[in-house]
Amino acid sequence: MTLQTLLNVTNHFFHPIGMNTEPLSTALILVGIIVLLLVAVGGIAYGLFKAVKSVPNLTTKQFILFLLLIAVALVVIGAILP
């Protein structure tokens, strides 16, 4: 179901009451996006904390693999951004 279809269905139900549902649906979408961003930032912060905590205990091979993973992640992010 697309967002436009959902908006049409909710407008059909709330139209007799005289309630415009478009601002409500926009607000709910924005709140959902903000919650997703907060979860993503929290997950990234938690992962970075765990990574920094475990780096002193890594062997040389594990440390090089860790640096390669960071490099690959940066390349992927750089390719996705433009």
C-alpha atoms as a PDB file:
ATOM      1  CA  MET A   1       0.000   0.000   0.000  1.00  0.00           C
ATOM      2  CA  THR A   2       1.449   3.344  -0.993  1.00  0.00           C
ATOM      3  CA  LEU A   3       1.269   6.393   1.218  1.00  0.00           C
ATOM      4  CA  GLN A   4      -1.136   8.093  -1.193  1.00  0.00           C
ATOM      5  CA  THR A   5      -3.501   5.115  -1.002  1.00  0.00           C
ATOM      6  CA  LEU A   6      -3.307   5.150   2.788  1.00  0.00           C
ATOM      7  CA  LEU A   7      -4.045   8.881   2.768  1.00  0.00           C
ATOM      8  CA  ASN A   8      -7.052   8.347   0.495  1.00  0.00           C
ATOM      9  CA  VAL A   9      -8.448   5.591   2.737  1.00  0.00           C
ATOM     10  CA  THR A  10      -8.017   7.625   5.941  1.00  0.00           C
ATOM     11  CA  ASN A  11      -9.544  10.690   4.263  1.00  0.00           C
ATOM     12  CA  HIS A  12     -12.513   8.536   3.236  1.00  0.00           C
ATOM     13  CA  PHE A  13     -13.117   7.500   6.858  1.00  0.00           C
ATOM     14  CA  PHE A  14     -12.505  10.899   8.461  1.00  0.00           C
ATOM     15  CA  HIS A  15     -14.138  13.100   5.808  1.00  0.00           C
ATOM     16  CA  PRO A  16     -17.661  12.877   7.324  1.00  0.00           C
ATOM     17  CA  ILE A  17     -16.243  14.160  10.618  1.00  0.00           C
ATOM     18  CA  GLY A  18     -14.585  17.062   8.826  1.00  0.00           C
ATOM     19  CA  MET A  19     -11.062  16.104   9.925  1.00  0.00           C
ATOM     20  CA  ASN A  20      -8.163  16.630   7.530  1.00  0.00           C
ATOM     21  CA  THR A  21      -5.749  13.717   7.973  1.00  0.00           C
ATOM     22  CA  GLU A  22      -2.903  14.971   5.783  1.00  0.00           C
ATOM     23  CA  PRO A  23      -1.103  16.958   8.535  1.00  0.00           C
ATOM     24  CA  LEU A  24      -1.557  14.026  10.925  1.00  0.00           C
ATOM     25  CA  SER A  25      -0.060  11.553   8.471  1.00  0.00           C
ATOM     26  CA  THR A  26       2.847  13.894   7.740  1.00  0.00           C
ATOM     27  CA  ALA A  27       3.525  14.294  11.455  1.00  0.00           C
ATOM     28  CA  LEU A  28       3.443  10.520  12.015  1.00  0.00           C
ATOM     29  CA  ILE A  29       5.853   9.941   9.131  1.00  0.00           C
ATOM     30  CA  LEU A  30       8.247  12.564  10.512  1.00  0.00           C
ATOM     31  CA  VAL A  31       8.092  11.061  14.007  1.00  0.00           C
ATOM     32  CA  GLY A  32       8.793   7.611  12.547  1.00  0.00           C
ATOM     33  CA  ILE A  33      11.807   8.892  10.604  1.00  0.00           C
ATOM     34  CA  ILE A  34      13.143  10.669  13.715  1.00  0.00           C
ATOM     35  CA  VAL A  35      12.799   7.474  15.784  1.00  0.00           C
ATOM     36  CA  LEU A  36      14.632   5.483  13.085  1.00  0.00           C
ATOM     37  CA  LEU A  37      17.435   8.056  13.025  1.00  0.00           C
ATOM     38  CA  LEU A  38      17.734   7.954  16.826  1.00  0.00           C
ATOM     39  CA  VAL A  39      17.963   4.158  16.769  1.00  0.00           C
ATOM     40  CA  ALA A  40      20.605   4.305  14.022  1.00  0.00           C
ATOM     41  CA  VAL A  41      22.680   6.913  15.888  1.00  0.00           C
ATOM     42  CA  GLY A  42      22.392   4.905  19.112  1.00  0.00           C
ATOM     43  CA  GLY A  43      23.466   1.732  17.337  1.00  0.00           C
ATOM     44  CA  ILE A  44      26.427   3.472  15.731  1.00  0.00           C
ATOM     45  CA  ALA A  45      27.501   4.988  19.053  1.00  0.00           C
ATOM     46  CA  TYR A  46      27.170   1.614  20.800  1.00  0.00           C
ATOM     47  CA  GLY A  47      29.149  -0.115  18.049  1.00  0.00           C
ATOM     48  CA  LEU A  48      31.897   2.513  18.166  1.00  0.00           C
ATOM     49  CA  PHE A  49      32.124   2.201  21.953  1.00  0.00           C
ATOM     50  CA  LYS A  50      32.442  -1.589  21.700  1.00  0.00           C
ATOM     51  CA  ALA A  51      35.027  -1.263  18.905  1.00  0.00           C
ATOM     52  CA  VAL A  52      37.183   1.245  20.805  1.00  0.00           C
ATOM     53  CA  LYS A  53      36.964  -0.905  23.919  1.00  0.00           C
ATOM     54  CA  SER A  54      38.121  -4.034  22.074  1.00  0.00           C
ATOM     55  CA  VAL A  55      40.925  -2.516  19.953  1.00  0.00           C
ATOM     56  CA  PRO A  56      43.662  -2.800  22.630  1.00  0.00           C
ATOM     57  CA  ASN A  57      42.979  -6.558  22.915  1.00  0.00           C
ATOM     58  CA  LEU A  58      43.259  -7.289  19.179  1.00  0.00           C
ATOM     59  CA  THR A  59      46.076  -9.205  17.542  1.00  0.00           C
ATOM     60  CA  THR A  60      47.886  -7.635  14.598  1.00  0.00           C
ATOM     61  CA  LYS A  61      45.843  -9.598  12.034  1.00  0.00           C
ATOM     62  CA  GLN A  62      42.581  -8.661  13.743  1.00  0.00           C
ATOM     63  CA  PHE A  63      43.626  -5.002  13.896  1.00  0.00           C
ATOM     64  CA  ILE A  64      44.474  -4.961  10.170  1.00  0.00           C
ATOM     65  CA  LEU A  65      41.115  -6.607   9.412  1.00  0.00           C
ATOM     66  CA  PHE A  66      39.425  -3.976  11.580  1.00  0.00           C
ATOM     67  CA  LEU A  67      41.138  -1.183   9.623  1.00  0.00           C
ATOM     68  CA  LEU A  68      40.138  -2.827   6.318  1.00  0.00           C
ATOM     69  CA  LEU A  69      36.506  -2.989   7.447  1.00  0.00           C
ATOM     70  CA  ILE A  70      36.599   0.701   8.345  1.00  0.00           C
ATOM     71  CA  ALA A  71      38.136   1.518   4.950  1.00  0.00           C
ATOM     72  CA  VAL A  72      35.492  -0.503   3.086  1.00  0.00           C
ATOM     73  CA  ALA A  73      32.710   1.155   5.090  1.00  0.00           C
ATOM     74  CA  LEU A  74      34.086   4.610   4.252  1.00  0.00           C
ATOM     75  CA  VAL A  75      34.328   3.752   0.553  1.00  0.00           C
ATOM     76  CA  VAL A  76      30.741   2.441   0.524  1.00  0.00           C
ATOM     77  CA  ILE A  77      29.453   5.537   2.328  1.00  0.00           C
ATOM     78  CA  GLY A  78      31.403   7.756  -0.073  1.00  0.00           C
ATOM     79  CA  ALA A  79      29.904   5.916  -3.058  1.00  0.00           C
ATOM     80  CA  ILE A  80      26.345   6.146  -1.717  1.00  0.00           C
ATOM     81  CA  LEU A  81      26.385   9.857  -0.785  1.00  0.00           C
ATOM     82  CA  PRO A  82      26.610  11.454  -4.255  1.00  0.00           C
END
